[in-house]
Amino acid sequence: MKFRSTFSLSAMALCLVFLSSMAELGAATLNWTVDSTQAVTYSADSTVWVTCHVTVTYSTLSSSPSYRAGRRYCIIISAASVSPTANPALNYTAWAPNYAVNQLFIGPNPSTLTQVLSGNFPSGTANGAVQNFSFDIALANSTFPNPGAYTISLTEKLWPSCNSFPTLGGTSSTKTQLIAVTVPNSYDVSVVPTGGSFSATTTSQPLDFGTLTAGATLGADILVRSNVSYSLALTSPNKGALSNGIDTVPYILKQGVNTKSLTTGSTTLVSGALKNNTTVPAKYAITATIGTLGADLSSGTYTDNLTVTLTAP
């Protein structure tokens, strides 16, 4: 009986030691880092892309391992905010990898693996192995925020067990990634055909009347895009007349239905206009109508060059 008892206890002890050594196999900790603050400038003309980086390091030296080799881990953007609050909102989305392939979910509960960053270190991975990730923040030009300095704060969480995604397992760790966004004072004027679209590079528009005829009317649109208050004026070297260098022919300038006098050589279209804070420009429609033709006008090409001046602080 005594022999049997000793044998039984010894076998159990060996079994327990074996199970204990199996529990430690592949245990590790995932250490990770994110970028320091990145600085970008907002553009009203196009989306601005900011590439962010995450580095995950496999460590077997921790006394409190939280990851098992072979398991999938996930990195999610659990929250995001802008400080101070932009008016209107500074719109942004997250994408991975490399420009608008998969949109990442911003929030604590993503539903598919394509909405997160994920990876795994296989069994046998050496201590210190590294996996690198990148994702892109797209700053949309759909709004035109007030000038200023803003900070986008991304709260990112690493979950060590995502094999049963969307269930997130283990104890998460958190990092914060910052993007500093400068929105400059921005104001542009564009002169386009009536009904035309804004283009900051389109700054002149000819009005060709052909053979002069009293009462003939042509027009153009002056478009302004601005996130600051502004004034808009027109100047005429011929003081509201067409000239061939010898004779002149008057014309009537209107903004909408309102006649604008150019007898002093200039006129104000708008003064102290409020910023429109949108990429949809403010429109000022103008028309020019040929006035009375004098007798015995000399032949030639009659012109006037109206200059549009946008003034902002």
Foldseek 3Di string as FASTA:
>chain_A
DVVVVVVVVVVVVVVVVVVVVVVLAQFWAKDKDWDAEAEDEDDLPFKDKDKIKMKIFTASPDPDGFAGAPAKKWKAQAAKDKPPAWVVHFDKWKFDDDPPDATADHHNQDADPSNTDMDGHHGPDDGGDMDMTMMMMIGGSQWQTAFDKMKMKTKMKMARHANVPVDGDTDIDIDIYIYIYGYHWDKAKAKAAVVDDDDRPHHDDDDDPDPDDAFDKGKIKIWMAGNFWKWKKKFKPVFQWWDQPPDTWHKWKDFPPHTFGSNVGMGTPGDRHGHPRGSRTDITMMMIGTHDDDPPDDDDDTDIDMHMDMDGD
